[in-house]
Amino acid sequence: MEANILTSVVLPLSLAIIMLGMGTTLMVADFKRVFIYPKAVAIGIIGQILILPLVGFAFASLFALKPEYAVGLMVLVACAGGATSNLIVYLAKGDVALSVTLTAISSCVTVISIPFIINFALHHFMGASNETSLPIGTTNMKLFALTLLPVMMGMFVRHNFTHFSVRLEKPVNRFASLLFVLIVLSIMYQERDGLVDTLITAGPVAYGLNLATMLLGFSAARLFKLNQQQSIAISIEVGVQNSATGIFIATVMLNNAEIAIIPAVYSLFMFLNAGLLIGVMQVYMQRTPTLKRIF
């Protein structure tokens, strides 16, 4: 399968399916939790929408990345949340309800915020002109069509055909994950000539960003005296980005495979850190007989 078909057809399709699958796990009640856990939701959203881009900008500037990689890093931090974070929170014994709520809200907000963050990155790191920037309105509409609209459709299915949506959830997520892996491998193949150098350059930055933002999210939650489960959820929601959307923006909207390298490499390290966190929490839970412990 040719790379242009992967990026122009398979990638948008996989992104839409991923978001559709996420939508089937959401209910209107997830948005109402803003009023039940206002402090936890506020900390999580501020971390995702405001703090995360600032940390990404600091990493892109301090590590002296090549312009395309710096923009790729900013594309990544603009795409907060995602369906993967909810699964990781569940496996790490975090507050799944809070995680789902943060994912739902951030999915709505980032449709608007993404083009502004990316255009800033294009101007700052690549010296892009207004003519080569992402058109705000058109970009918002494309992101809405491929992210928010499938989520809304998934919620509609969940509300009206609950049993069907529960049965559909696993096969849809598996199929979407398979397509996404295919995209990541395709990008790696396109950059195969300099893959080793790319991993040496981009790998530590991607890993460090994921680790730093997870620790930052957890620390902020503990600073504001949230409980253990809420802190885990915020840590993962702030630290785990929607790399599928980032790769879509880089390859389709910006038509630049080099910009997609950081989101692609990040996908590998994201699961490494998440796996470590899950392992730590599994051991901790075995030694702690109750989830009510607050430290």
C-alpha atoms as a PDB file:
ATOM      1  CA  MET A   1       0.000   0.000   0.000  1.00  0.00           C
ATOM      2  CA  GLU A   2       1.455   3.328  -1.010  1.00  0.00           C
ATOM      3  CA  ALA A   3       2.235   5.964   1.552  1.00  0.00           C
ATOM      4  CA  ASN A   4      -0.119   8.530  -0.008  1.00  0.00           C
ATOM      5  CA  ILE A   5      -3.054   6.126   0.341  1.00  0.00           C
ATOM      6  CA  LEU A   6      -2.080   5.465   3.949  1.00  0.00           C
ATOM      7  CA  THR A   7      -2.004   9.137   4.841  1.00  0.00           C
ATOM      8  CA  SER A   8      -4.909  10.363   2.726  1.00  0.00           C
ATOM      9  CA  VAL A   9      -7.335   7.465   3.285  1.00  0.00           C
ATOM     10  CA  VAL A  10      -6.258   4.999   5.965  1.00  0.00           C
ATOM     11  CA  LEU A  11      -5.110   7.570   8.533  1.00  0.00           C
ATOM     12  CA  PRO A  12      -8.273   9.737   8.472  1.00  0.00           C
ATOM     13  CA  LEU A  13     -10.353   6.547   8.539  1.00  0.00           C
ATOM     14  CA  SER A  14      -8.450   5.135  11.512  1.00  0.00           C
ATOM     15  CA  LEU A  15      -8.694   8.453  13.376  1.00  0.00           C
ATOM     16  CA  ALA A  16     -12.456   8.618  12.791  1.00  0.00           C
ATOM     17  CA  ILE A  17     -12.874   5.002  13.944  1.00  0.00           C
ATOM     18  CA  ILE A  18     -10.779   5.626  17.064  1.00  0.00           C
ATOM     19  CA  MET A  19     -12.920   8.641  17.957  1.00  0.00           C
ATOM     20  CA  LEU A  20     -16.126   6.728  17.148  1.00  0.00           C
ATOM     21  CA  GLY A  21     -15.011   3.959  19.480  1.00  0.00           C
ATOM     22  CA  MET A  22     -14.256   6.522  22.174  1.00  0.00           C
ATOM     23  CA  GLY A  23     -17.703   8.024  21.691  1.00  0.00           C
ATOM     24  CA  THR A  24     -19.384   4.682  22.388  1.00  0.00           C
ATOM     25  CA  THR A  25     -17.845   4.788  25.885  1.00  0.00           C
ATOM     26  CA  LEU A  26     -19.196   8.274  26.649  1.00  0.00           C
ATOM     27  CA  MET A  27     -22.525   9.422  28.056  1.00  0.00           C
ATOM     28  CA  VAL A  28     -24.043  12.818  28.778  1.00  0.00           C
ATOM     29  CA  ALA A  29     -23.384  12.102  32.463  1.00  0.00           C
ATOM     30  CA  ASP A  30     -19.654  12.291  31.744  1.00  0.00           C
ATOM     31  CA  PHE A  31     -20.001  15.998  30.997  1.00  0.00           C
ATOM     32  CA  LYS A  32     -22.116  16.539  34.121  1.00  0.00           C
ATOM     33  CA  ARG A  33     -19.209  15.389  36.288  1.00  0.00           C
ATOM     34  CA  VAL A  34     -17.743  18.864  35.812  1.00  0.00           C
ATOM     35  CA  PHE A  35     -20.155  19.925  38.563  1.00  0.00           C
ATOM     36  CA  ILE A  36     -19.447  16.857  40.724  1.00  0.00           C
ATOM     37  CA  TYR A  37     -15.631  17.113  40.634  1.00  0.00           C
ATOM     38  CA  PRO A  38     -15.049  20.775  39.717  1.00  0.00           C
ATOM     39  CA  LYS A  39     -11.570  21.010  41.248  1.00  0.00           C
ATOM     40  CA  ALA A  40     -10.304  17.766  39.683  1.00  0.00           C
ATOM     41  CA  VAL A  41     -11.737  18.625  36.267  1.00  0.00           C
ATOM     42  CA  ALA A  42     -10.342  22.171  36.385  1.00  0.00           C
ATOM     43  CA  ILE A  43      -6.833  20.918  37.265  1.00  0.00           C
ATOM     44  CA  GLY A  44      -6.951  18.319  34.494  1.00  0.00           C
ATOM     45  CA  ILE A  45      -8.205  20.689  31.790  1.00  0.00           C
ATOM     46  CA  ILE A  46      -5.746  23.440  32.716  1.00  0.00           C
ATOM     47  CA  GLY A  47      -2.981  20.860  32.589  1.00  0.00           C
ATOM     48  CA  GLN A  48      -4.064  19.574  29.180  1.00  0.00           C
ATOM     49  CA  ILE A  49      -4.926  22.822  27.426  1.00  0.00           C
ATOM     50  CA  LEU A  50      -2.559  25.369  28.996  1.00  0.00           C
ATOM     51  CA  ILE A  51       0.343  23.740  30.868  1.00  0.00           C
ATOM     52  CA  LEU A  52       0.997  20.992  28.309  1.00  0.00           C
ATOM     53  CA  PRO A  53       1.670  23.365  25.361  1.00  0.00           C
ATOM     54  CA  LEU A  54       3.929  25.470  27.590  1.00  0.00           C
ATOM     55  CA  VAL A  55       5.955  22.396  28.599  1.00  0.00           C
ATOM     56  CA  GLY A  56       6.101  21.314  24.948  1.00  0.00           C
ATOM     57  CA  PHE A  57       7.397  24.732  23.916  1.00  0.00           C
ATOM     58  CA  ALA A  58      10.040  24.579  26.641  1.00  0.00           C
ATOM     59  CA  PHE A  59      11.195  21.142  25.458  1.00  0.00           C
ATOM     60  CA  ALA A  60      11.238  22.211  21.798  1.00  0.00           C
ATOM     61  CA  SER A  61      13.321  25.270  22.661  1.00  0.00           C
ATOM     62  CA  LEU A  62      15.723  23.767  25.201  1.00  0.00           C
ATOM     63  CA  PHE A  63      16.627  20.674  23.180  1.00  0.00           C
ATOM     64  CA  ALA A  64      17.467  22.709  20.048  1.00  0.00           C
ATOM     65  CA  LEU A  65      15.459  20.411  17.797  1.00  0.00           C
ATOM     66  CA  LYS A  66      15.417  20.842  14.041  1.00  0.00           C
ATOM     67  CA  PRO A  67      12.457  23.027  13.031  1.00  0.00           C
ATOM     68  CA  GLU A  68      10.295  20.148  11.749  1.00  0.00           C
ATOM     69  CA  TYR A  69      10.769  18.175  14.971  1.00  0.00           C
ATOM     70  CA  ALA A  70      10.037  21.246  17.098  1.00  0.00           C
ATOM     71  CA  VAL A  71       6.781  21.800  15.216  1.00  0.00           C
ATOM     72  CA  GLY A  72       6.026  18.087  15.540  1.00  0.00           C
ATOM     73  CA  LEU A  73       6.416  18.369  19.298  1.00  0.00           C
ATOM     74  CA  MET A  74       4.011  21.305  19.385  1.00  0.00           C
ATOM     75  CA  VAL A  75       1.538  19.432  17.195  1.00  0.00           C
ATOM     76  CA  LEU A  76       1.676  16.583  19.687  1.00  0.00           C
ATOM     77  CA  VAL A  77       1.084  18.699  22.805  1.00  0.00           C
ATOM     78  CA  ALA A  78      -1.793  20.455  21.053  1.00  0.00           C
ATOM     79  CA  CYS A  79      -3.588  17.106  20.781  1.00  0.00           C
ATOM     80  CA  ALA A  80      -4.411  16.405  24.408  1.00  0.00           C
ATOM     81  CA  GLY A  81      -6.187  13.294  25.618  1.00  0.00           C
ATOM     82  CA  GLY A  82      -7.537  10.453  23.539  1.00  0.00           C
ATOM     83  CA  ALA A  83      -9.174   7.058  23.852  1.00  0.00           C
ATOM     84  CA  THR A  84      -5.902   5.383  24.862  1.00  0.00           C
ATOM     85  CA  SER A  85      -5.639   7.398  28.060  1.00  0.00           C
ATOM     86  CA  ASN A  86      -8.939   6.014  29.360  1.00  0.00           C
ATOM     87  CA  LEU A  87      -7.727   2.441  28.975  1.00  0.00           C
ATOM     88  CA  ILE A  88      -4.412   3.217  30.666  1.00  0.00           C
ATOM     89  CA  VAL A  89      -6.212   4.894  33.590  1.00  0.00           C
ATOM     90  CA  TYR A  90      -8.384   1.794  33.984  1.00  0.00           C
ATOM     91  CA  LEU A  91      -5.377  -0.545  33.999  1.00  0.00           C
ATOM     92  CA  ALA A  92      -3.495   1.735  36.406  1.00  0.00           C
ATOM     93  CA  LYS A  93      -6.408   1.683  38.883  1.00  0.00           C
ATOM     94  CA  GLY A  94      -7.142   5.377  38.404  1.00  0.00           C
ATOM     95  CA  ASP A  95     -10.433   7.269  38.397  1.00  0.00           C
ATOM     96  CA  VAL A  96     -11.888   6.162  35.068  1.00  0.00           C
ATOM     97  CA  ALA A  97     -14.942   8.418  35.350  1.00  0.00           C
ATOM     98  CA  LEU A  98     -12.712  11.483  35.759  1.00  0.00           C
ATOM     99  CA  SER A  99     -10.482  10.329  32.896  1.00  0.00           C
ATOM    100  CA  VAL A 100     -13.439   9.913  30.562  1.00  0.00           C
ATOM    101  CA  THR A 101     -14.780  13.318  31.565  1.00  0.00           C
ATOM    102  CA  LEU A 102     -11.445  15.025  30.872  1.00  0.00           C
ATOM    103  CA  THR A 103     -11.140  13.248  27.521  1.00  0.00           C
ATOM    104  CA  ALA A 104     -14.645  14.310  26.530  1.00  0.00           C
ATOM    105  CA  ILE A 105     -14.082  17.959  27.415  1.00  0.00           C
ATOM    106  CA  SER A 106     -10.583  18.198  25.925  1.00  0.00           C
ATOM    107  CA  SER A 107     -11.846  16.661  22.675  1.00  0.00           C
ATOM    108  CA  CYS A 108     -14.268  19.573  22.360  1.00  0.00           C
ATOM    109  CA  VAL A 109     -11.773  22.278  23.330  1.00  0.00           C
ATOM    110  CA  THR A 110      -8.840  21.109  21.196  1.00  0.00           C
ATOM    111  CA  VAL A 111     -10.913  21.252  18.013  1.00  0.00           C
ATOM    112  CA  ILE A 112     -10.736  25.031  18.493  1.00  0.00           C
ATOM    113  CA  SER A 113      -7.279  25.412  20.093  1.00  0.00           C
ATOM    114  CA  ILE A 114      -5.186  23.131  17.844  1.00  0.00           C
ATOM    115  CA  PRO A 115      -4.778  25.447  14.799  1.00  0.00           C
ATOM    116  CA  PHE A 116      -3.768  28.407  16.983  1.00  0.00           C
ATOM    117  CA  ILE A 117      -1.031  26.408  18.750  1.00  0.00           C
ATOM    118  CA  ILE A 118       0.243  24.891  15.514  1.00  0.00           C
ATOM    119  CA  ASN A 119       0.299  28.198  13.650  1.00  0.00           C
ATOM    120  CA  PHE A 120       2.317  29.718  16.490  1.00  0.00           C
ATOM    121  CA  ALA A 121       4.780  26.809  16.204  1.00  0.00           C
ATOM    122  CA  LEU A 122       5.008  27.147  12.423  1.00  0.00           C
ATOM    123  CA  HIS A 123       5.784  30.859  12.706  1.00  0.00           C
ATOM    124  CA  HIS A 124       8.205  30.532  15.613  1.00  0.00           C
ATOM    125  CA  PHE A 125      10.206  27.464  14.589  1.00  0.00           C
ATOM    126  CA  MET A 126       9.892  27.371  10.798  1.00  0.00           C
ATOM    127  CA  GLY A 127       9.333  31.019   9.949  1.00  0.00           C
ATOM    128  CA  ALA A 128       6.088  30.200   8.155  1.00  0.00           C
ATOM    129  CA  SER A 129       4.145  33.012   6.561  1.00  0.00           C
ATOM    130  CA  ASN A 130       0.448  33.644   6.892  1.00  0.00           C
ATOM    131  CA  GLU A 131      -0.020  31.994   3.502  1.00  0.00           C
ATOM    132  CA  THR A 132       1.488  28.702   4.685  1.00  0.00           C
ATOM    133  CA  SER A 133      -0.282  28.644   8.068  1.00  0.00           C
ATOM    134  CA  LEU A 134      -3.260  26.432   8.756  1.00  0.00           C
ATOM    135  CA  PRO A 135      -6.511  28.234   7.903  1.00  0.00           C
ATOM    136  CA  ILE A 136      -8.334  28.474  11.237  1.00  0.00           C
ATOM    137  CA  GLY A 137     -11.914  27.929  10.072  1.00  0.00           C
ATOM    138  CA  THR A 138     -11.137  25.134   7.615  1.00  0.00           C
ATOM    139  CA  THR A 139      -8.912  23.353  10.126  1.00  0.00           C
ATOM    140  CA  ASN A 140     -11.572  23.591  12.825  1.00  0.00           C
ATOM    141  CA  MET A 141     -14.135  22.066  10.459  1.00  0.00           C
ATOM    142  CA  LYS A 142     -11.839  19.198   9.408  1.00  0.00           C
ATOM    143  CA  LEU A 143     -10.980  18.400  13.000  1.00  0.00           C
ATOM    144  CA  PHE A 144     -14.646  18.541  13.923  1.00  0.00           C
ATOM    145  CA  ALA A 145     -15.545  16.148  11.102  1.00  0.00           C
ATOM    146  CA  LEU A 146     -12.834  13.631  11.980  1.00  0.00           C
ATOM    147  CA  THR A 147     -12.793  13.852  15.777  1.00  0.00           C
ATOM    148  CA  LEU A 148     -15.772  15.486  17.458  1.00  0.00           C
ATOM    149  CA  LEU A 149     -18.434  14.335  15.000  1.00  0.00           C
ATOM    150  CA  PRO A 150     -17.478  10.629  15.313  1.00  0.00           C
ATOM    151  CA  VAL A 151     -17.479  11.055  19.115  1.00  0.00           C
ATOM    152  CA  MET A 152     -21.002  12.477  18.955  1.00  0.00           C
ATOM    153  CA  MET A 153     -22.090   9.627  16.690  1.00  0.00           C
ATOM    154  CA  GLY A 154     -20.597   7.135  19.121  1.00  0.00           C
ATOM    155  CA  MET A 155     -22.468   8.774  22.001  1.00  0.00           C
ATOM    156  CA  PHE A 156     -25.689   8.583  19.988  1.00  0.00           C
ATOM    157  CA  VAL A 157     -25.144   4.870  19.422  1.00  0.00           C
ATOM    158  CA  ARG A 158     -24.315   4.343  23.117  1.00  0.00           C
ATOM    159  CA  HIS A 159     -27.479   6.182  24.203  1.00  0.00           C
ATOM    160  CA  ASN A 160     -29.896   4.526  21.799  1.00  0.00           C
ATOM    161  CA  PHE A 161     -28.311   1.091  21.287  1.00  0.00           C
ATOM    162  CA  THR A 162     -26.462   0.458  24.535  1.00  0.00           C
ATOM    163  CA  HIS A 163     -26.022  -3.308  24.254  1.00  0.00           C
ATOM    164  CA  PHE A 164     -24.903  -3.018  20.647  1.00  0.00           C
ATOM    165  CA  SER A 165     -22.358  -0.308  21.476  1.00  0.00           C
ATOM    166  CA  VAL A 166     -20.881  -2.409  24.301  1.00  0.00           C
ATOM    167  CA  ARG A 167     -20.461  -5.351  21.918  1.00  0.00           C
ATOM    168  CA  LEU A 168     -19.014  -3.046  19.263  1.00  0.00           C
ATOM    169  CA  GLU A 169     -16.466  -1.361  21.537  1.00  0.00           C
ATOM    170  CA  LYS A 170     -13.692  -3.980  21.571  1.00  0.00           C
ATOM    171  CA  PRO A 171     -13.663  -4.913  17.851  1.00  0.00           C
ATOM    172  CA  VAL A 172     -13.795  -1.248  16.810  1.00  0.00           C
ATOM    173  CA  ASN A 173     -10.919  -0.323  19.102  1.00  0.00           C
ATOM    174  CA  ARG A 174      -8.842  -3.295  17.931  1.00  0.00           C
ATOM    175  CA  PHE A 175      -9.413  -2.477  14.277  1.00  0.00           C
ATOM    176  CA  ALA A 176      -8.595   1.183  14.805  1.00  0.00           C
ATOM    177  CA  SER A 177      -5.450   0.282  16.753  1.00  0.00           C
ATOM    178  CA  LEU A 178      -4.320  -1.999  13.927  1.00  0.00           C
ATOM    179  CA  LEU A 179      -4.752   0.795  11.402  1.00  0.00           C
ATOM    180  CA  PHE A 180      -2.864   3.211  13.637  1.00  0.00           C
ATOM    181  CA  VAL A 181       0.066   0.808  14.036  1.00  0.00           C
ATOM    182  CA  LEU A 182       0.144   0.516  10.253  1.00  0.00           C
ATOM    183  CA  ILE A 183       0.421   4.297   9.973  1.00  0.00           C
ATOM    184  CA  VAL A 184       3.261   4.505  12.517  1.00  0.00           C
ATOM    185  CA  LEU A 185       5.176   1.741  10.724  1.00  0.00           C
ATOM    186  CA  SER A 186       4.601   3.515   7.410  1.00  0.00           C
ATOM    187  CA  ILE A 187       6.091   6.754   8.737  1.00  0.00           C
ATOM    188  CA  MET A 188       9.071   4.870  10.146  1.00  0.00           C
ATOM    189  CA  TYR A 189       9.528   3.185   6.766  1.00  0.00           C
ATOM    190  CA  GLN A 190       9.450   6.503   4.916  1.00  0.00           C
ATOM    191  CA  GLU A 191      12.184   7.788   7.230  1.00  0.00           C
ATOM    192  CA  ARG A 192      14.138   4.496   7.209  1.00  0.00           C
ATOM    193  CA  ASP A 193      17.327   6.018   5.786  1.00  0.00           C
ATOM    194  CA  GLY A 194      17.836   8.181   8.840  1.00  0.00           C
ATOM    195  CA  LEU A 195      15.749   6.161  11.304  1.00  0.00           C
ATOM    196  CA  VAL A 196      18.548   5.461  13.770  1.00  0.00           C
ATOM    197  CA  ASP A 197      19.622   9.113  13.878  1.00  0.00           C
ATOM    198  CA  THR A 198      15.968  10.111  14.202  1.00  0.00           C
ATOM    199  CA  LEU A 199      15.427   7.825  17.189  1.00  0.00           C
ATOM    200  CA  ILE A 200      18.604   9.117  18.827  1.00  0.00           C
ATOM    201  CA  THR A 201      17.494  12.721  18.309  1.00  0.00           C
ATOM    202  CA  ALA A 202      13.749  12.504  18.825  1.00  0.00           C
ATOM    203  CA  GLY A 203      13.545   9.530  21.180  1.00  0.00           C
ATOM    204  CA  PRO A 204      14.901  11.151  24.364  1.00  0.00           C
ATOM    205  CA  VAL A 205      12.767  14.261  23.794  1.00  0.00           C
ATOM    206  CA  ALA A 206       9.589  12.241  23.251  1.00  0.00           C
ATOM    207  CA  TYR A 207      10.310  10.048  26.261  1.00  0.00           C
ATOM    208  CA  GLY A 208      11.230  13.004  28.449  1.00  0.00           C
ATOM    209  CA  LEU A 209       8.096  14.926  27.466  1.00  0.00           C
ATOM    210  CA  ASN A 210       5.849  11.993  28.319  1.00  0.00           C
ATOM    211  CA  LEU A 211       7.566  11.333  31.646  1.00  0.00           C
ATOM    212  CA  ALA A 212       7.740  15.009  32.633  1.00  0.00           C
ATOM    213  CA  THR A 213       4.083  15.736  31.858  1.00  0.00           C
ATOM    214  CA  MET A 214       2.877  12.619  33.686  1.00  0.00           C
ATOM    215  CA  LEU A 215       4.882  13.618  36.765  1.00  0.00           C
ATOM    216  CA  LEU A 216       3.691  17.216  36.453  1.00  0.00           C
ATOM    217  CA  GLY A 217       0.050  16.142  36.262  1.00  0.00           C
ATOM    218  CA  PHE A 218       0.396  13.873  39.282  1.00  0.00           C
ATOM    219  CA  SER A 219       2.249  16.506  41.302  1.00  0.00           C
ATOM    220  CA  ALA A 220      -0.365  19.165  40.546  1.00  0.00           C
ATOM    221  CA  ALA A 221      -3.163  16.817  41.600  1.00  0.00           C
ATOM    222  CA  ARG A 222      -1.404  15.983  44.871  1.00  0.00           C
ATOM    223  CA  LEU A 223      -0.625  19.659  45.498  1.00  0.00           C
ATOM    224  CA  PHE A 224      -4.355  20.394  45.390  1.00  0.00           C
ATOM    225  CA  LYS A 225      -5.047  17.397  47.658  1.00  0.00           C
ATOM    226  CA  LEU A 226      -6.840  15.178  45.167  1.00  0.00           C
ATOM    227  CA  ASN A 227      -6.994  11.507  46.105  1.00  0.00           C
ATOM    228  CA  GLN A 228      -4.820   8.778  44.666  1.00  0.00           C
ATOM    229  CA  GLN A 229      -7.212   7.621  41.944  1.00  0.00           C
ATOM    230  CA  GLN A 230      -7.899  11.169  40.752  1.00  0.00           C
ATOM    231  CA  SER A 231      -4.174  11.937  40.748  1.00  0.00           C
ATOM    232  CA  ILE A 232      -3.448   8.892  38.578  1.00  0.00           C
ATOM    233  CA  ALA A 233      -6.180   9.911  36.140  1.00  0.00           C
ATOM    234  CA  ILE A 234      -4.880  13.476  35.815  1.00  0.00           C
ATOM    235  CA  SER A 235      -1.297  12.256  35.500  1.00  0.00           C
ATOM    236  CA  ILE A 236      -2.226  10.086  32.535  1.00  0.00           C
ATOM    237  CA  GLU A 237      -4.612  12.577  30.947  1.00  0.00           C
ATOM    238  CA  VAL A 238      -1.934  15.279  30.991  1.00  0.00           C
ATOM    239  CA  GLY A 239       0.906  12.940  30.026  1.00  0.00           C
ATOM    240  CA  VAL A 240      -0.682  10.760  27.335  1.00  0.00           C
ATOM    241  CA  GLN A 241      -1.378  12.595  24.091  1.00  0.00           C
ATOM    242  CA  ASN A 242      -3.581  11.795  21.112  1.00  0.00           C
ATOM    243  CA  SER A 243      -0.730  10.925  18.761  1.00  0.00           C
ATOM    244  CA  ALA A 244      -3.149   9.656  16.089  1.00  0.00           C
ATOM    245  CA  THR A 245      -4.560  13.162  15.686  1.00  0.00           C
ATOM    246  CA  GLY A 246      -1.035  14.590  15.726  1.00  0.00           C
ATOM    247  CA  ILE A 247       0.107  12.286  12.928  1.00  0.00           C
ATOM    248  CA  PHE A 248      -3.024  13.134  10.920  1.00  0.00           C
ATOM    249  CA  ILE A 249      -2.364  16.869  11.228  1.00  0.00           C
ATOM    250  CA  ALA A 250       1.306  16.470  10.269  1.00  0.00           C
ATOM    251  CA  THR A 251       0.844  14.189   7.278  1.00  0.00           C
ATOM    252  CA  VAL A 252      -2.493  15.347   5.890  1.00  0.00           C
ATOM    253  CA  MET A 253      -2.992  18.976   6.917  1.00  0.00           C
ATOM    254  CA  LEU A 254       0.677  20.013   6.900  1.00  0.00           C
ATOM    255  CA  ASN A 255       1.764  17.418   4.314  1.00  0.00           C
ATOM    256  CA  ASN A 256       5.079  16.911   6.093  1.00  0.00           C
ATOM    257  CA  ALA A 257       6.195  13.426   7.158  1.00  0.00           C
ATOM    258  CA  GLU A 258       9.119  14.858   9.149  1.00  0.00           C
ATOM    259  CA  ILE A 259       6.718  16.724  11.434  1.00  0.00           C
ATOM    260  CA  ALA A 260       4.938  13.418  12.047  1.00  0.00           C
ATOM    261  CA  ILE A 261       8.123  11.771  13.366  1.00  0.00           C
ATOM    262  CA  ILE A 262       7.788  13.120  16.913  1.00  0.00           C
ATOM    263  CA  PRO A 263       4.149  11.950  17.345  1.00  0.00           C
ATOM    264  CA  ALA A 264       5.088   8.564  15.847  1.00  0.00           C
ATOM    265  CA  VAL A 265       8.126   8.065  18.090  1.00  0.00           C
ATOM    266  CA  TYR A 266       6.143   9.364  21.054  1.00  0.00           C
ATOM    267  CA  SER A 267       3.588   6.587  20.525  1.00  0.00           C
ATOM    268  CA  LEU A 268       6.269   4.015  21.319  1.00  0.00           C
ATOM    269  CA  PHE A 269       7.553   5.657  24.498  1.00  0.00           C
ATOM    270  CA  MET A 270       4.068   6.585  25.704  1.00  0.00           C
ATOM    271  CA  PHE A 271       3.205   2.917  26.132  1.00  0.00           C
ATOM    272  CA  LEU A 272       6.549   2.237  27.822  1.00  0.00           C
ATOM    273  CA  ASN A 273       5.958   4.815  30.551  1.00  0.00           C
ATOM    274  CA  ALA A 274       2.304   3.843  30.858  1.00  0.00           C
ATOM    275  CA  GLY A 275       3.319   0.202  31.271  1.00  0.00           C
ATOM    276  CA  LEU A 276       5.734   1.150  34.037  1.00  0.00           C
ATOM    277  CA  LEU A 277       3.029   3.141  35.817  1.00  0.00           C
ATOM    278  CA  ILE A 278       0.531   0.295  35.501  1.00  0.00           C
ATOM    279  CA  GLY A 279       3.088  -2.145  36.894  1.00  0.00           C
ATOM    280  CA  VAL A 280       3.855   0.103  39.861  1.00  0.00           C
ATOM    281  CA  MET A 281       0.167   0.579  40.654  1.00  0.00           C
ATOM    282  CA  GLN A 282      -0.572  -3.138  40.343  1.00  0.00           C
ATOM    283  CA  VAL A 283       2.108  -3.879  42.943  1.00  0.00           C
ATOM    284  CA  TYR A 284       0.911  -1.037  45.152  1.00  0.00           C
ATOM    285  CA  MET A 285      -2.713  -2.211  45.025  1.00  0.00           C
ATOM    286  CA  GLN A 286      -1.726  -5.720  46.020  1.00  0.00           C
ATOM    287  CA  ARG A 287      -0.092  -4.312  49.131  1.00  0.00           C
ATOM    288  CA  THR A 288      -2.901  -1.866  49.882  1.00  0.00           C
ATOM    289  CA  PRO A 289      -6.187  -3.599  50.763  1.00  0.00           C
ATOM    290  CA  THR A 290      -8.374  -0.570  50.170  1.00  0.00           C
ATOM    291  CA  LEU A 291      -8.632   2.064  47.471  1.00  0.00           C
ATOM    292  CA  LYS A 292      -9.708   4.599  50.063  1.00  0.00           C
ATOM    293  CA  ARG A 293      -6.201   5.311  51.208  1.00  0.00           C
ATOM    294  CA  ILE A 294      -5.247   8.914  50.601  1.00  0.00           C
ATOM    295  CA  PHE A 295      -1.633   9.987  50.918  1.00  0.00           C
END
